[in-house]
């Protein structure tokens, strides 16, 4: 598949002797009468496809390094499955978490967590963690949460959220819709733009996508390494995606909604599916005022 080929260079197996022991040390041998039921499994780089298929592409797009999989069992109870993803950098761990967030109530585990229907997800430092059971009951659910807290406490490091998030219009978007990424394949999952990488997203860029509370339009903000790259990306995007927008940078699309774009310094901001032209312009102006 082209997506796999694209990330082959990022997915080469890396030496992980120390990482294996360090990752295993995050897990207890027992938790609430559940005990380790099999030898832990490890996957590195493109080996993630030996464990999961389509979802593996998402983790690779966030810089995935290695995965520990551990199972816990207790007689006449649900099996608990633990997945600990070493994402290499805190921004990658946060990105993997944000890719799934907004589906469940928040929990005070790690740096951010959600739990619903037997699935706990959280991030802390460079790690993204999933702890899950197939069918909920009080004892098993409590064990999932206890195991999550143990893992989170064992992770000593913490990581900062990407700085670009502080440039979003506070109070104007739905927090649960926030997605952070830097590959166009992830953008296409949440808002399909084009098969081509029109905005020139790469590992040196930062991007955030949210939905606006008032009209459910989408706001995309991208930061580039420098002004030249931002200018080049803006020219490519506007010429290919909204060629009729002209210097105003705003156009009514086939769905009768509005798309508008601006570039300021090393940043590009785009509004998709705004209900009105004035609304799209006002939103971009509020973003413009926050950009350095």
Protein backbone atom coordinates (compact mmCIF):
# COMPACT_ATOMS: atom_id res chain seq x y z
CA UNK A 1 0.00 0.00 0.00
CA UNK A 2 1.31 3.49 -0.80
CA UNK A 3 0.77 4.70 2.74
CA UNK A 4 2.93 1.90 4.14
CA UNK A 5 5.62 2.56 1.58
CA UNK A 6 5.60 6.23 2.46
CA UNK A 7 6.49 5.48 6.05
CA UNK A 8 8.88 2.59 5.45
CA UNK A 9 11.89 4.76 6.20
CA UNK A 10 10.27 5.84 9.49
CA UNK A 11 9.37 2.29 10.41
CA UNK A 12 12.73 0.53 10.33
CA UNK A 13 13.27 -1.75 13.32
CA UNK A 14 15.40 -0.07 15.98
CA UNK A 15 17.49 -1.59 18.79
CA UNK A 16 15.18 -1.81 21.79
CA UNK A 17 16.80 -3.97 24.49
CA UNK A 18 16.75 -1.15 27.04
CA UNK A 19 13.36 0.03 25.86
CA UNK A 20 11.83 -3.42 26.39
CA UNK A 21 12.94 -3.65 29.99
CA UNK A 22 12.00 -0.02 30.64
CA UNK A 23 8.55 -0.50 29.15
CA UNK A 24 7.94 -3.74 31.03
CA UNK A 25 8.84 -1.99 34.27
CA UNK A 26 5.76 0.19 33.79
CA UNK A 27 3.51 -2.84 34.33
CA UNK A 28 2.72 -4.62 37.62
CA UNK A 29 2.68 -8.46 37.76
CA UNK A 30 -0.79 -8.34 39.33
CA UNK A 31 -3.60 -5.83 39.70
CA UNK A 32 -6.84 -6.39 41.67
CA UNK A 33 -6.45 -10.21 41.42
CA UNK A 34 -5.69 -10.10 37.69
CA UNK A 35 -2.29 -11.54 36.86
CA UNK A 36 -0.06 -11.51 33.77
CA UNK A 37 -1.33 -14.36 31.62
CA UNK A 38 1.28 -14.59 28.86
CA UNK A 39 4.68 -13.31 27.85
CA UNK A 40 4.64 -9.67 26.79
CA UNK A 41 4.89 -9.05 23.05
CA UNK A 42 6.86 -6.24 21.45
CA UNK A 43 6.57 -4.70 18.00
CA UNK A 44 8.83 -2.07 16.48
CA UNK A 45 8.53 0.09 13.39
CA UNK A 46 6.69 -1.57 10.51
CA UNK A 47 6.33 -4.70 12.68
CA UNK A 48 3.21 -3.06 14.07
CA UNK A 49 1.38 -4.53 11.07
CA UNK A 50 2.00 -7.99 12.54
CA UNK A 51 -0.29 -6.92 15.38
CA UNK A 52 -2.75 -4.56 13.71
CA UNK A 53 -3.53 -3.69 10.12
CA UNK A 54 -5.17 -0.39 9.19
CA UNK A 55 -4.68 1.31 12.55
CA UNK A 56 -0.94 0.71 12.28
CA UNK A 57 -0.77 3.32 9.54
CA UNK A 58 -2.11 5.96 11.91
CA UNK A 59 0.52 5.24 14.56
CA UNK A 60 3.29 5.32 11.97
CA UNK A 61 2.01 8.69 10.82
CA UNK A 62 2.56 9.91 14.38
CA UNK A 63 6.16 8.67 14.56
CA UNK A 64 5.54 5.30 16.27
CA UNK A 65 8.67 3.60 17.68
CA UNK A 66 7.58 0.47 19.56
CA UNK A 67 4.59 -1.25 21.15
CA UNK A 68 4.28 -3.44 24.23
CA UNK A 69 1.23 -5.73 24.43
CA UNK A 70 0.41 -7.44 27.72
CA UNK A 71 -2.61 -9.48 28.79
CA UNK A 72 -3.96 -10.02 32.29
CA UNK A 73 -6.35 -12.80 33.32
CA UNK A 74 -8.48 -13.75 36.31
CA UNK A 75 -10.71 -16.84 36.55
CA UNK A 76 -14.32 -16.17 35.54
CA UNK A 77 -13.53 -12.56 34.67
CA UNK A 78 -12.82 -10.40 31.67
CA UNK A 79 -9.32 -10.50 30.16
CA UNK A 80 -7.56 -7.13 30.33
CA UNK A 81 -5.48 -6.08 27.33
CA UNK A 82 -2.79 -3.41 27.68
CA UNK A 83 -1.12 -1.61 24.77
CA UNK A 84 1.70 0.82 25.54
CA UNK A 85 2.90 2.79 22.51
CA UNK A 86 6.29 4.49 22.69
CA UNK A 87 5.75 7.34 20.26
CA UNK A 88 9.25 8.78 20.57
CA UNK A 89 8.16 12.36 21.37
CA UNK A 90 5.45 13.84 23.57
CA UNK A 91 3.90 15.65 20.59
CA UNK A 92 3.44 12.27 18.88
CA UNK A 93 1.88 10.72 21.98
CA UNK A 94 -0.49 13.65 22.33
CA UNK A 95 -1.31 13.45 18.63
CA UNK A 96 -2.18 9.75 18.87
CA UNK A 97 -4.41 10.53 21.85
CA UNK A 98 -6.08 13.47 20.13
CA UNK A 99 -6.80 11.28 17.10
CA UNK A 100 -9.24 9.28 19.25
CA UNK A 101 -10.41 11.83 21.83
CA UNK A 102 -13.93 13.13 22.28
CA UNK A 103 -15.66 9.76 22.47
CA UNK A 104 -15.77 9.30 26.24
CA UNK A 105 -15.80 11.12 29.60
CA UNK A 106 -12.49 12.46 30.87
CA UNK A 107 -10.56 10.75 33.66
CA UNK A 108 -7.73 12.03 35.86
CA UNK A 109 -5.11 9.56 34.63
CA UNK A 110 -1.83 10.53 32.99
CA UNK A 111 -1.84 13.93 31.34
CA UNK A 112 -5.24 13.40 29.70
CA UNK A 113 -7.47 10.35 29.68
CA UNK A 114 -10.88 9.10 28.58
CA UNK A 115 -12.79 5.99 29.62
CA UNK A 116 -15.95 4.47 28.18
CA UNK A 117 -17.36 1.00 27.47
CA UNK A 118 -14.31 -0.80 28.80
CA UNK A 119 -11.69 1.25 26.94
CA UNK A 120 -9.28 3.57 28.74
CA UNK A 121 -6.96 5.75 26.66
CA UNK A 122 -4.42 8.26 27.96
CA UNK A 123 -1.12 9.91 27.17
CA UNK A 124 1.83 10.90 29.29
CA UNK A 125 5.28 11.97 28.16
CA UNK A 126 6.14 10.08 24.99
CA UNK A 127 3.68 7.25 25.71
CA UNK A 128 0.14 6.63 24.47
CA UNK A 129 -1.65 3.87 26.38
CA UNK A 130 -4.80 1.79 25.87
CA UNK A 131 -6.21 -0.52 28.56
CA UNK A 132 -9.35 -2.43 27.64
CA UNK A 133 -11.85 -5.19 28.32
CA UNK A 134 -14.47 -6.60 25.95
CA UNK A 135 -17.42 -6.47 28.34
CA UNK A 136 -17.82 -4.15 31.30
CA UNK A 137 -18.61 -5.12 34.86
CA UNK A 138 -17.78 -3.16 38.00
CA UNK A 139 -14.79 -5.24 39.07
CA UNK A 140 -13.22 -5.40 35.63
CA UNK A 141 -13.82 -1.72 34.95
CA UNK A 142 -12.23 -0.76 38.26
CA UNK A 143 -9.26 -3.00 37.47
CA UNK A 144 -8.81 -1.27 34.09
CA UNK A 145 -8.74 2.13 35.78
CA UNK A 146 -6.41 0.91 38.53
CA UNK A 147 -4.04 -0.55 35.96
CA UNK A 148 -4.12 2.69 34.00
CA UNK A 149 -3.26 4.71 37.10
CA UNK A 150 -0.38 2.35 37.90
CA UNK A 151 1.10 2.72 34.41
CA UNK A 152 0.64 6.49 34.43
CA UNK A 153 2.34 6.80 37.84
CA UNK A 154 5.22 4.60 36.64
CA UNK A 155 5.86 6.93 33.68
CA UNK A 156 8.09 9.56 35.28
CA UNK A 157 8.27 11.95 32.37
CA UNK A 158 5.68 14.46 31.26
CA UNK A 159 5.46 16.31 27.97
CA UNK A 160 4.21 19.68 26.84
CA UNK A 161 1.33 19.96 24.42
CA UNK A 162 2.26 21.43 21.02
CA UNK A 163 2.49 25.22 21.24
CA UNK A 164 0.25 25.67 18.19
CA UNK A 165 -2.77 24.70 20.30
CA UNK A 166 -2.42 27.97 22.21
CA UNK A 167 -3.09 29.89 18.99
CA UNK A 168 -6.55 28.43 18.44
CA UNK A 169 -9.50 30.74 19.23
CA UNK A 170 -10.21 29.81 22.84
CA UNK A 171 -13.86 29.24 23.67
CA UNK A 172 -14.96 29.17 20.03
CA UNK A 173 -14.40 25.50 19.18
CA UNK A 174 -15.61 22.15 20.50
CA UNK A 175 -12.73 20.79 22.64
CA UNK A 176 -13.56 17.17 21.85
CA UNK A 177 -12.99 17.81 18.13
CA UNK A 178 -9.38 18.95 18.54
CA UNK A 179 -6.96 16.93 16.42
CA UNK A 180 -3.20 17.50 16.31
CA UNK A 181 -1.03 16.06 13.52
CA UNK A 182 1.66 16.84 10.96
CA UNK A 183 0.88 14.42 8.11
CA UNK A 184 -1.75 15.05 5.45
CA UNK A 185 -2.95 11.44 5.73
CA UNK A 186 -4.23 12.20 9.24
CA UNK A 187 -5.87 15.41 8.04
CA UNK A 188 -7.70 13.40 5.38
CA UNK A 189 -9.15 11.08 8.02
CA UNK A 190 -10.80 13.97 9.85
CA UNK A 191 -11.41 16.29 6.90
CA UNK A 192 -10.69 14.95 3.44
CA UNK A 193 -8.78 17.52 1.44
CA UNK A 194 -7.12 15.70 -1.46
CA UNK A 195 -4.98 12.67 -2.16
CA UNK A 196 -2.08 15.03 -2.87
CA UNK A 197 -0.36 16.83 0.00
CA UNK A 198 -1.60 20.28 -1.00
CA UNK A 199 -0.47 21.97 2.23
CA UNK A 200 3.01 20.37 2.19
CA UNK A 201 2.58 18.87 5.67
CA UNK A 202 5.61 17.01 7.01
CA UNK A 203 7.50 16.17 10.21
CA UNK A 204 8.70 19.78 10.49
CA UNK A 205 5.21 21.25 10.48
CA UNK A 206 2.56 21.38 13.19
CA UNK A 207 -1.17 21.33 12.47
CA UNK A 208 -4.38 21.48 14.48
CA UNK A 209 -7.94 20.93 13.28
CA UNK A 210 -11.08 21.84 15.25
CA UNK A 211 -14.80 22.32 14.66
CA UNK A 212 -16.26 25.70 15.47
CA UNK A 213 -19.11 25.74 17.98
CA UNK A 214 -21.33 28.28 16.25
CA UNK A 215 -21.72 26.75 12.78
CA UNK A 216 -19.76 23.45 12.95
CA UNK A 217 -17.30 24.71 10.35
CA UNK A 218 -13.72 23.43 10.44
CA UNK A 219 -10.68 25.51 11.31
CA UNK A 220 -7.25 24.26 10.28
CA UNK A 221 -4.09 25.97 11.52
CA UNK A 222 -0.65 24.99 10.24
CA UNK A 223 2.77 26.21 11.37
CA UNK A 224 5.76 25.87 9.03
CA UNK A 225 9.48 26.04 9.82
CA UNK A 226 9.79 29.42 8.09
CA UNK A 227 7.95 32.03 6.05
CA UNK A 228 9.24 30.75 2.72
CA UNK A 229 7.77 27.27 3.26
CA UNK A 230 4.46 28.74 4.42
CA UNK A 231 4.28 31.02 1.39
CA UNK A 232 5.03 28.16 -0.98
CA UNK A 233 2.41 25.94 0.66
CA UNK A 234 -0.18 28.73 0.59
CA UNK A 235 0.39 29.32 -3.11
CA UNK A 236 0.09 25.61 -3.86
CA UNK A 237 -3.03 25.16 -1.73
CA UNK A 238 -4.95 28.16 -3.04
CA UNK A 239 -4.08 27.49 -6.67
CA UNK A 240 -5.11 23.83 -6.49
CA UNK A 241 -7.97 23.81 -3.97
CA UNK A 242 -9.62 27.24 -4.24
CA UNK A 243 -8.36 28.65 -7.57
CA UNK A 244 -11.37 30.99 -7.87
CA UNK A 245 -10.78 32.61 -4.48
CA UNK A 246 -8.48 35.29 -5.87
CA UNK A 247 -6.60 37.67 -3.60
CA UNK A 248 -9.49 37.68 -1.12
CA UNK A 249 -8.78 34.04 -0.32
CA UNK A 250 -12.45 33.14 0.09
CA UNK A 251 -14.82 31.18 -2.16
CA UNK A 252 -18.23 29.52 -2.08
CA UNK A 253 -17.87 25.80 -2.69
CA UNK A 254 -20.14 23.23 -4.32
CA UNK A 255 -21.84 22.42 -1.02
CA UNK A 256 -23.01 26.07 -0.82
CA UNK A 257 -20.68 26.77 2.08
CA UNK A 258 -17.56 28.91 2.30
CA UNK A 259 -13.86 28.12 2.35
CA UNK A 260 -11.36 30.85 3.21
CA UNK A 261 -7.61 30.91 3.79
CA UNK A 262 -4.93 33.33 4.99
CA UNK A 263 -1.19 33.23 5.48
CA UNK A 264 0.54 35.25 8.16
CA UNK A 265 4.26 34.79 8.63
CA UNK A 266 5.02 31.07 8.98
CA UNK A 267 1.33 30.16 9.52
CA UNK A 268 -1.59 29.21 7.30
CA UNK A 269 -5.18 29.21 8.59
CA UNK A 270 -8.06 27.73 6.61
CA UNK A 271 -11.80 27.66 7.33
CA UNK A 272 -13.83 24.93 5.65
CA UNK A 273 -17.63 24.67 5.38
CA UNK A 274 -18.51 28.01 6.98
CA UNK A 275 -22.19 28.93 6.68
CA UNK A 276 -21.50 32.49 5.59
CA UNK A 277 -18.71 34.43 3.95
CA UNK A 278 -18.72 36.97 6.76
CA UNK A 279 -18.47 34.21 9.35
CA UNK A 280 -15.46 32.69 7.60
CA UNK A 281 -13.74 36.05 7.37
CA UNK A 282 -14.45 36.92 11.01
CA UNK A 283 -13.07 33.61 12.23
CA UNK A 284 -9.88 34.00 10.25
CA UNK A 285 -9.45 37.54 11.50
CA UNK A 286 -9.69 36.32 15.09
CA UNK A 287 -6.99 33.76 14.33
CA UNK A 288 -4.83 36.31 12.52
CA UNK A 289 -4.77 38.55 15.60
CA UNK A 290 -3.31 35.72 17.70
CA UNK A 291 -0.55 34.77 15.28
CA UNK A 292 2.97 36.09 15.92
